[in-house]
Structures are given as structure tokens and as C-alpha cells.
Amino acid sequence: MADAVIDIVGPDSLPVIVKLYNHIFRPVREISGFRRRYQGRHNVLQMIARVGDEPVGFFVGFELKPSIFFTWFYGVVPEYRRMGIASQLMEAVHDWVREQKYDSVRFECHNQHRPILHLGIAKEYDIVGIRWDPDRGTNLLLFQKDFFHH
């Protein structure tokens, strides 16, 4: 179990996030693609997980609706997987989402991304639907976890 430090970071950390993203995912994305996705979004949240001084994981998300926060990407570099870092990131996101008084947090993932599917189920997310992804020609599973603030 790695003991990562999770930091909330601002727009100036976007180059680090994009570098981590491109180390983990394909196809690669440019910083401009992230900036476009953030345009007009409320409550953009970026986190970086570090072990020592080394960035080893990240999270990005934003408000989907006033009551729902959308987690766009979680990523942990391959050398640091299966050490609990994604769980630590997810817990940090949940804490922040609760502090901001959102009712729910949601993410989407492809069926072949088993580690995040397993993590979502372990963290008590519900599968609330599927959505066709025309870019990849496959379905995305929609996961949601509700926090009640009544």
C-alpha cells in the first residue's frame, strides 16, 4: 500500500496532468483538449497523487449538474498500480464532493477497464445505465454514488 499525498492543484498544473494522462492512456491528448473540455464548466477539480516528489496519479472532474459532480478521468501510472493510489484519489474526490454539497458523483468507463469497474463497485457505486461511445464503437457503463445532504 503506497501512502500517496493527494493535492488539489490549479490550472498551472495542467501540463503535469496531461503528461500523466499521456503516460497512461491512448490516444494521447494535448493540453488544448483539456482546456476545451473545461470551458464553461463549473467547479473544475484537478488532483495529483504523489509518492515522495514523484507525480504518480491524477484526477480531473467538473460539475455535470448543480447536484451531480462528474469524474472525467482517474489515472495511475502502471508502475504504481495495485497500491491503493486510485482508492486514495477516489476517497479524496468523495470528501471534496461532500464538502461542496453535491448529492452525487458519477463516472463512466468502458467494460474492458476492469480495475476502475472493480473500484467503483468496491466504493459502493451503483451502475445507473449505459451510453454508446461513437468514438470507440462500444458502450460505456455509467456509475453513480449518492451522498444525501438532507
N, C-alpha and C. Protein backbone atom coordinates (compact mmCIF):
# COMPACT_ATOMS: atom_id res chain seq x y z
N MET A 1 0.84 -1.18 0.00
CA MET A 1 0.00 0.00 0.00
C MET A 1 0.88 1.24 0.00
N ALA A 2 0.83 1.99 -1.09
CA ALA A 2 1.59 3.25 -1.15
C ALA A 2 0.83 4.31 -0.36
N ASP A 3 1.56 5.16 0.30
CA ASP A 3 0.93 6.25 1.03
C ASP A 3 1.13 7.51 0.21
N ALA A 4 0.22 7.73 -0.73
CA ALA A 4 0.34 8.87 -1.63
C ALA A 4 -0.15 10.14 -0.95
N VAL A 5 0.41 11.25 -1.34
CA VAL A 5 -0.09 12.56 -0.95
C VAL A 5 -0.96 13.03 -2.10
N ILE A 6 -2.19 13.42 -1.77
CA ILE A 6 -3.14 13.88 -2.78
C ILE A 6 -3.27 15.40 -2.64
N ASP A 7 -2.93 16.13 -3.69
CA ASP A 7 -3.04 17.58 -3.67
C ASP A 7 -4.08 18.05 -4.67
N ILE A 8 -4.89 19.02 -4.26
CA ILE A 8 -5.75 19.73 -5.20
C ILE A 8 -4.86 20.76 -5.87
N VAL A 9 -4.88 20.78 -7.20
CA VAL A 9 -3.98 21.66 -7.95
C VAL A 9 -4.78 22.55 -8.89
N GLY A 10 -4.18 23.67 -9.26
CA GLY A 10 -4.83 24.63 -10.12
C GLY A 10 -4.46 24.46 -11.58
N PRO A 11 -4.89 25.42 -12.40
CA PRO A 11 -4.65 25.35 -13.85
C PRO A 11 -3.17 25.28 -14.22
N ASP A 12 -2.29 25.84 -13.38
CA ASP A 12 -0.86 25.81 -13.69
C ASP A 12 -0.28 24.40 -13.64
N SER A 13 -1.01 23.45 -13.07
CA SER A 13 -0.55 22.06 -13.01
C SER A 13 -1.06 21.22 -14.18
N LEU A 14 -1.78 21.83 -15.10
CA LEU A 14 -2.32 21.07 -16.23
C LEU A 14 -1.23 20.36 -17.04
N PRO A 15 -0.05 20.96 -17.27
CA PRO A 15 0.99 20.21 -18.00
C PRO A 15 1.37 18.89 -17.31
N VAL A 16 1.42 18.86 -16.00
CA VAL A 16 1.74 17.62 -15.27
C VAL A 16 0.63 16.60 -15.46
N ILE A 17 -0.62 17.06 -15.38
CA ILE A 17 -1.76 16.16 -15.56
C ILE A 17 -1.77 15.58 -16.96
N VAL A 18 -1.53 16.41 -17.97
CA VAL A 18 -1.53 15.93 -19.35
C VAL A 18 -0.38 14.94 -19.57
N LYS A 19 0.77 15.21 -18.97
CA LYS A 19 1.90 14.28 -19.08
C LYS A 19 1.53 12.92 -18.46
N LEU A 20 0.91 12.95 -17.28
CA LEU A 20 0.46 11.70 -16.65
C LEU A 20 -0.58 11.00 -17.53
N TYR A 21 -1.56 11.76 -18.02
CA TYR A 21 -2.60 11.19 -18.89
C TYR A 21 -1.96 10.47 -20.07
N ASN A 22 -1.02 11.14 -20.73
CA ASN A 22 -0.40 10.57 -21.93
C ASN A 22 0.52 9.40 -21.62
N HIS A 23 0.97 9.28 -20.39
CA HIS A 23 1.76 8.12 -19.96
C HIS A 23 0.84 6.90 -19.76
N ILE A 24 -0.43 7.17 -19.45
CA ILE A 24 -1.38 6.12 -19.06
C ILE A 24 -2.31 5.73 -20.20
N PHE A 25 -2.85 6.71 -20.92
CA PHE A 25 -3.93 6.48 -21.88
C PHE A 25 -3.50 6.71 -23.33
N ARG A 26 -4.24 6.10 -24.26
CA ARG A 26 -4.12 6.33 -25.69
C ARG A 26 -5.50 6.55 -26.24
N PRO A 27 -5.71 7.35 -27.25
CA PRO A 27 -4.69 8.18 -27.89
C PRO A 27 -4.27 9.32 -26.97
N VAL A 28 -3.11 9.88 -27.25
CA VAL A 28 -2.62 11.00 -26.45
C VAL A 28 -3.51 12.22 -26.67
N ARG A 29 -3.51 13.11 -25.70
CA ARG A 29 -4.27 14.35 -25.78
C ARG A 29 -3.34 15.52 -25.55
N GLU A 30 -3.72 16.64 -26.14
CA GLU A 30 -2.97 17.89 -25.95
C GLU A 30 -3.60 18.69 -24.81
N ILE A 31 -2.82 19.61 -24.25
CA ILE A 31 -3.35 20.49 -23.21
C ILE A 31 -4.59 21.23 -23.71
N SER A 32 -4.57 21.64 -24.98
CA SER A 32 -5.70 22.39 -25.54
C SER A 32 -7.00 21.59 -25.46
N GLY A 33 -6.92 20.26 -25.59
CA GLY A 33 -8.10 19.42 -25.48
C GLY A 33 -8.70 19.45 -24.08
N PHE A 34 -7.82 19.45 -23.08
CA PHE A 34 -8.30 19.57 -21.69
C PHE A 34 -8.94 20.94 -21.47
N ARG A 35 -8.27 21.98 -21.95
CA ARG A 35 -8.80 23.35 -21.77
C ARG A 35 -10.18 23.49 -22.44
N ARG A 36 -10.33 22.90 -23.64
CA ARG A 36 -11.63 22.95 -24.32
C ARG A 36 -12.70 22.25 -23.48
N ARG A 37 -12.36 21.09 -22.94
CA ARG A 37 -13.32 20.32 -22.15
C ARG A 37 -13.73 21.08 -20.89
N TYR A 38 -12.82 21.88 -20.34
CA TYR A 38 -13.10 22.66 -19.12
C TYR A 38 -13.91 23.92 -19.41
N GLN A 39 -13.91 24.39 -20.66
CA GLN A 39 -14.58 25.65 -20.98
C GLN A 39 -16.04 25.62 -20.57
N GLY A 40 -16.45 26.65 -19.85
CA GLY A 40 -17.83 26.76 -19.43
C GLY A 40 -18.22 25.81 -18.32
N ARG A 41 -17.27 25.04 -17.79
CA ARG A 41 -17.56 24.09 -16.72
C ARG A 41 -17.42 24.78 -15.37
N HIS A 42 -18.28 24.40 -14.47
CA HIS A 42 -18.25 24.95 -13.12
C HIS A 42 -17.53 23.96 -12.20
N ASN A 43 -16.77 24.49 -11.26
CA ASN A 43 -16.10 23.67 -10.23
C ASN A 43 -15.17 22.62 -10.82
N VAL A 44 -14.31 23.02 -11.76
CA VAL A 44 -13.31 22.08 -12.28
C VAL A 44 -12.39 21.71 -11.11
N LEU A 45 -12.19 20.42 -10.93
CA LEU A 45 -11.33 19.92 -9.86
C LEU A 45 -10.21 19.08 -10.48
N GLN A 46 -8.97 19.39 -10.10
CA GLN A 46 -7.81 18.62 -10.53
C GLN A 46 -7.04 18.21 -9.29
N MET A 47 -6.65 16.94 -9.25
CA MET A 47 -5.83 16.44 -8.15
C MET A 47 -4.65 15.68 -8.72
N ILE A 48 -3.53 15.74 -8.01
CA ILE A 48 -2.35 14.95 -8.36
C ILE A 48 -1.96 14.13 -7.14
N ALA A 49 -1.70 12.84 -7.37
CA ALA A 49 -1.21 11.94 -6.33
C ALA A 49 0.31 11.85 -6.48
N ARG A 50 1.01 12.05 -5.37
CA ARG A 50 2.47 11.96 -5.37
C ARG A 50 2.92 10.91 -4.38
N VAL A 51 3.99 10.22 -4.75
CA VAL A 51 4.73 9.38 -3.80
C VAL A 51 6.10 10.02 -3.73
N GLY A 52 6.42 10.57 -2.56
CA GLY A 52 7.61 11.41 -2.46
C GLY A 52 7.36 12.65 -3.31
N ASP A 53 8.32 12.99 -4.18
CA ASP A 53 8.14 14.14 -5.07
C ASP A 53 7.62 13.75 -6.44
N GLU A 54 7.38 12.45 -6.64
CA GLU A 54 7.03 11.97 -7.98
C GLU A 54 5.51 11.91 -8.19
N PRO A 55 4.99 12.65 -9.19
CA PRO A 55 3.57 12.52 -9.53
C PRO A 55 3.31 11.13 -10.12
N VAL A 56 2.37 10.39 -9.52
CA VAL A 56 2.11 9.01 -9.96
C VAL A 56 0.65 8.77 -10.36
N GLY A 57 -0.19 9.78 -10.14
CA GLY A 57 -1.59 9.62 -10.50
C GLY A 57 -2.28 10.96 -10.53
N PHE A 58 -3.48 10.96 -11.13
CA PHE A 58 -4.22 12.22 -11.23
C PHE A 58 -5.71 11.96 -11.27
N PHE A 59 -6.43 13.03 -11.05
CA PHE A 59 -7.89 13.04 -11.18
C PHE A 59 -8.29 14.37 -11.80
N VAL A 60 -9.28 14.34 -12.70
CA VAL A 60 -9.91 15.55 -13.20
C VAL A 60 -11.42 15.34 -13.26
N GLY A 61 -12.15 16.38 -12.91
CA GLY A 61 -13.61 16.31 -12.96
C GLY A 61 -14.21 17.70 -12.89
N PHE A 62 -15.54 17.75 -13.00
CA PHE A 62 -16.24 19.03 -13.00
C PHE A 62 -17.72 18.79 -12.76
N GLU A 63 -18.42 19.88 -12.49
CA GLU A 63 -19.85 19.78 -12.24
C GLU A 63 -20.58 19.37 -13.52
N LEU A 64 -21.42 18.36 -13.40
CA LEU A 64 -22.26 17.93 -14.51
C LEU A 64 -23.59 18.68 -14.47
N LYS A 65 -24.18 18.74 -13.28
CA LYS A 65 -25.41 19.47 -12.98
C LYS A 65 -25.21 20.04 -11.58
N PRO A 66 -26.03 20.99 -11.16
CA PRO A 66 -25.81 21.55 -9.81
C PRO A 66 -25.79 20.50 -8.69
N SER A 67 -26.40 19.36 -8.91
CA SER A 67 -26.42 18.34 -7.86
C SER A 67 -25.46 17.17 -8.12
N ILE A 68 -24.86 17.12 -9.32
CA ILE A 68 -24.03 15.95 -9.69
C ILE A 68 -22.64 16.40 -10.13
N PHE A 69 -21.62 15.78 -9.55
CA PHE A 69 -20.24 16.03 -9.94
C PHE A 69 -19.77 14.87 -10.82
N PHE A 70 -19.13 15.21 -11.93
CA PHE A 70 -18.69 14.21 -12.91
C PHE A 70 -17.18 14.00 -12.81
N THR A 71 -16.78 12.76 -12.65
CA THR A 71 -15.36 12.44 -12.64
C THR A 71 -14.97 12.05 -14.06
N TRP A 72 -14.16 12.91 -14.69
CA TRP A 72 -13.80 12.71 -16.09
C TRP A 72 -12.71 11.66 -16.22
N PHE A 73 -11.63 11.78 -15.46
CA PHE A 73 -10.54 10.79 -15.54
C PHE A 73 -9.90 10.57 -14.18
N TYR A 74 -9.64 9.31 -13.90
CA TYR A 74 -8.71 8.88 -12.87
C TYR A 74 -7.58 8.19 -13.62
N GLY A 75 -6.36 8.36 -13.18
CA GLY A 75 -5.26 7.64 -13.79
C GLY A 75 -4.13 7.43 -12.80
N VAL A 76 -3.54 6.25 -12.84
CA VAL A 76 -2.36 5.93 -12.04
C VAL A 76 -1.35 5.28 -12.99
N VAL A 77 -0.11 5.77 -12.95
CA VAL A 77 0.91 5.23 -13.85
C VAL A 77 1.10 3.74 -13.56
N PRO A 78 1.40 2.95 -14.60
CA PRO A 78 1.47 1.49 -14.44
C PRO A 78 2.38 1.02 -13.30
N GLU A 79 3.51 1.68 -13.10
CA GLU A 79 4.46 1.24 -12.07
C GLU A 79 3.91 1.37 -10.65
N TYR A 80 2.83 2.14 -10.47
CA TYR A 80 2.28 2.37 -9.13
C TYR A 80 0.86 1.83 -8.97
N ARG A 81 0.43 0.97 -9.88
CA ARG A 81 -0.90 0.39 -9.76
C ARG A 81 -0.92 -0.71 -8.70
N ARG A 82 -2.12 -1.00 -8.24
CA ARG A 82 -2.36 -2.05 -7.24
C ARG A 82 -1.69 -1.72 -5.90
N MET A 83 -1.57 -0.42 -5.62
CA MET A 83 -1.00 0.04 -4.36
C MET A 83 -1.99 0.90 -3.58
N GLY A 84 -3.23 0.99 -4.05
CA GLY A 84 -4.24 1.76 -3.34
C GLY A 84 -4.30 3.23 -3.71
N ILE A 85 -3.53 3.66 -4.69
CA ILE A 85 -3.49 5.09 -5.04
C ILE A 85 -4.81 5.54 -5.66
N ALA A 86 -5.40 4.74 -6.54
CA ALA A 86 -6.69 5.11 -7.12
C ALA A 86 -7.75 5.20 -6.03
N SER A 87 -7.71 4.30 -5.07
CA SER A 87 -8.65 4.36 -3.93
C SER A 87 -8.45 5.65 -3.14
N GLN A 88 -7.20 6.03 -2.90
CA GLN A 88 -6.92 7.27 -2.18
C GLN A 88 -7.43 8.47 -2.97
N LEU A 89 -7.21 8.48 -4.28
CA LEU A 89 -7.73 9.57 -5.11
C LEU A 89 -9.25 9.62 -5.03
N MET A 90 -9.90 8.46 -5.16
CA MET A 90 -11.36 8.42 -5.14
C MET A 90 -11.90 8.91 -3.79
N GLU A 91 -11.27 8.51 -2.70
CA GLU A 91 -11.70 8.98 -1.37
C GLU A 91 -11.53 10.49 -1.24
N ALA A 92 -10.44 11.03 -1.77
CA ALA A 92 -10.21 12.48 -1.73
C ALA A 92 -11.29 13.21 -2.54
N VAL A 93 -11.65 12.64 -3.69
CA VAL A 93 -12.72 13.23 -4.51
C VAL A 93 -14.04 13.18 -3.74
N HIS A 94 -14.36 12.04 -3.14
CA HIS A 94 -15.61 11.91 -2.37
C HIS A 94 -15.66 12.95 -1.25
N ASP A 95 -14.54 13.13 -0.54
CA ASP A 95 -14.51 14.13 0.54
C ASP A 95 -14.81 15.51 -0.01
N TRP A 96 -14.18 15.87 -1.13
CA TRP A 96 -14.38 17.18 -1.74
C TRP A 96 -15.82 17.34 -2.21
N VAL A 97 -16.36 16.31 -2.86
CA VAL A 97 -17.74 16.36 -3.38
C VAL A 97 -18.72 16.58 -2.23
N ARG A 98 -18.50 15.87 -1.11
CA ARG A 98 -19.37 16.05 0.05
C ARG A 98 -19.25 17.47 0.61
N GLU A 99 -18.02 17.98 0.71
CA GLU A 99 -17.80 19.35 1.21
C GLU A 99 -18.51 20.38 0.34
N GLN A 100 -18.55 20.14 -0.96
CA GLN A 100 -19.19 21.06 -1.90
C GLN A 100 -20.71 20.87 -1.95
N LYS A 101 -21.21 19.90 -1.19
CA LYS A 101 -22.66 19.65 -1.05
C LYS A 101 -23.33 19.10 -2.32
N TYR A 102 -22.56 18.39 -3.14
CA TYR A 102 -23.19 17.69 -4.26
C TYR A 102 -23.95 16.48 -3.73
N ASP A 103 -25.04 16.12 -4.40
CA ASP A 103 -25.82 14.96 -3.99
C ASP A 103 -25.20 13.66 -4.48
N SER A 104 -24.50 13.73 -5.65
CA SER A 104 -24.00 12.51 -6.28
C SER A 104 -22.69 12.78 -7.01
N VAL A 105 -21.96 11.69 -7.21
CA VAL A 105 -20.76 11.73 -8.04
C VAL A 105 -20.92 10.62 -9.07
N ARG A 106 -20.49 10.89 -10.31
CA ARG A 106 -20.73 9.96 -11.41
C ARG A 106 -19.45 9.78 -12.22
N PHE A 107 -19.26 8.57 -12.74
CA PHE A 107 -18.21 8.35 -13.73
C PHE A 107 -18.69 7.35 -14.77
N GLU A 108 -18.00 7.35 -15.90
CA GLU A 108 -18.28 6.42 -16.99
C GLU A 108 -17.02 5.63 -17.26
N CYS A 109 -17.16 4.37 -17.65
CA CYS A 109 -15.97 3.65 -18.09
C CYS A 109 -16.34 2.53 -19.04
N HIS A 110 -15.36 2.16 -19.84
CA HIS A 110 -15.54 1.06 -20.77
C HIS A 110 -15.47 -0.26 -20.03
N ASN A 111 -16.16 -1.24 -20.54
CA ASN A 111 -16.22 -2.55 -19.92
C ASN A 111 -14.84 -3.20 -19.76
N GLN A 112 -13.92 -2.91 -20.68
CA GLN A 112 -12.60 -3.56 -20.60
C GLN A 112 -11.69 -2.94 -19.53
N HIS A 113 -12.08 -1.81 -18.94
CA HIS A 113 -11.26 -1.18 -17.90
C HIS A 113 -11.64 -1.75 -16.53
N ARG A 114 -11.30 -3.03 -16.35
CA ARG A 114 -11.73 -3.77 -15.16
C ARG A 114 -11.29 -3.17 -13.84
N PRO A 115 -10.07 -2.65 -13.71
CA PRO A 115 -9.70 -2.11 -12.39
C PRO A 115 -10.62 -0.99 -11.90
N ILE A 116 -11.02 -0.07 -12.78
CA ILE A 116 -11.90 1.02 -12.35
C ILE A 116 -13.32 0.50 -12.13
N LEU A 117 -13.75 -0.50 -12.89
CA LEU A 117 -15.05 -1.13 -12.64
C LEU A 117 -15.07 -1.73 -11.24
N HIS A 118 -14.03 -2.48 -10.92
CA HIS A 118 -13.94 -3.12 -9.60
C HIS A 118 -13.89 -2.08 -8.49
N LEU A 119 -13.12 -1.01 -8.71
CA LEU A 119 -13.00 0.03 -7.70
C LEU A 119 -14.35 0.71 -7.46
N GLY A 120 -15.06 1.02 -8.54
CA GLY A 120 -16.37 1.64 -8.39
C GLY A 120 -17.32 0.77 -7.59
N ILE A 121 -17.32 -0.51 -7.87
CA ILE A 121 -18.19 -1.43 -7.12
C ILE A 121 -17.73 -1.52 -5.66
N ALA A 122 -16.42 -1.60 -5.43
CA ALA A 122 -15.90 -1.66 -4.06
C ALA A 122 -16.24 -0.39 -3.27
N LYS A 123 -16.32 0.74 -3.96
CA LYS A 123 -16.62 2.02 -3.29
C LYS A 123 -18.12 2.32 -3.28
N GLU A 124 -18.93 1.29 -3.54
CA GLU A 124 -20.39 1.34 -3.41
C GLU A 124 -21.07 2.25 -4.41
N TYR A 125 -20.51 2.31 -5.62
CA TYR A 125 -21.21 2.98 -6.72
C TYR A 125 -22.28 2.03 -7.24
N ASP A 126 -23.33 2.61 -7.80
CA ASP A 126 -24.36 1.84 -8.49
C ASP A 126 -24.16 2.00 -9.98
N ILE A 127 -24.43 0.95 -10.74
CA ILE A 127 -24.46 1.05 -12.19
C ILE A 127 -25.83 1.63 -12.53
N VAL A 128 -25.85 2.81 -13.16
CA VAL A 128 -27.13 3.50 -13.39
C VAL A 128 -27.51 3.56 -14.87
N GLY A 129 -26.66 3.00 -15.74
CA GLY A 129 -27.01 2.98 -17.15
C GLY A 129 -25.83 2.68 -18.04
N ILE A 130 -26.09 2.72 -19.33
CA ILE A 130 -25.03 2.58 -20.32
C ILE A 130 -25.21 3.68 -21.36
N ARG A 131 -24.12 4.03 -22.02
CA ARG A 131 -24.16 5.05 -23.07
C ARG A 131 -23.25 4.59 -24.20
N TRP A 132 -23.73 4.74 -25.41
CA TRP A 132 -22.95 4.38 -26.59
C TRP A 132 -21.85 5.41 -26.79
N ASP A 133 -20.62 4.95 -26.98
CA ASP A 133 -19.49 5.83 -27.27
C ASP A 133 -19.18 5.72 -28.76
N PRO A 134 -19.63 6.68 -29.56
CA PRO A 134 -19.42 6.58 -31.01
C PRO A 134 -17.94 6.64 -31.41
N ASP A 135 -17.11 7.29 -30.60
CA ASP A 135 -15.68 7.38 -30.92
C ASP A 135 -15.00 6.02 -30.86
N ARG A 136 -15.39 5.21 -29.91
CA ARG A 136 -14.76 3.89 -29.74
C ARG A 136 -15.62 2.74 -30.25
N GLY A 137 -16.88 3.03 -30.54
CA GLY A 137 -17.77 1.98 -31.05
C GLY A 137 -18.11 0.93 -30.00
N THR A 138 -18.14 1.35 -28.73
CA THR A 138 -18.51 0.44 -27.64
C THR A 138 -19.38 1.20 -26.63
N ASN A 139 -19.95 0.45 -25.72
CA ASN A 139 -20.76 1.05 -24.66
C ASN A 139 -19.88 1.48 -23.49
N LEU A 140 -20.31 2.54 -22.84
CA LEU A 140 -19.74 2.97 -21.57
C LEU A 140 -20.73 2.61 -20.47
N LEU A 141 -20.22 2.11 -19.36
CA LEU A 141 -21.06 1.87 -18.19
C LEU A 141 -21.07 3.15 -17.36
N LEU A 142 -22.25 3.53 -16.86
CA LEU A 142 -22.41 4.73 -16.05
C LEU A 142 -22.53 4.33 -14.59
N PHE A 143 -21.66 4.86 -13.77
CA PHE A 143 -21.64 4.58 -12.33
C PHE A 143 -21.99 5.84 -11.56
N GLN A 144 -22.76 5.69 -10.49
CA GLN A 144 -23.10 6.85 -9.65
C GLN A 144 -23.13 6.45 -8.19
N LYS A 145 -22.62 7.33 -7.36
CA LYS A 145 -22.66 7.16 -5.91
C LYS A 145 -23.40 8.36 -5.35
N ASP A 146 -24.40 8.09 -4.52
CA ASP A 146 -25.22 9.17 -3.97
C ASP A 146 -24.78 9.49 -2.54
N PHE A 147 -24.72 10.79 -2.25
CA PHE A 147 -24.50 11.30 -0.90
C PHE A 147 -25.73 12.13 -0.58
N PHE A 148 -26.37 11.84 0.52
CA PHE A 148 -27.59 12.57 0.83
C PHE A 148 -27.32 13.63 1.87
N HIS A 149 -27.69 14.87 1.54
CA HIS A 149 -27.41 16.03 2.41
C HIS A 149 -28.71 16.64 2.94
N HIS A 150 -29.72 15.85 3.12
CA HIS A 150 -30.99 16.44 3.53
C HIS A 150 -31.08 16.60 5.02
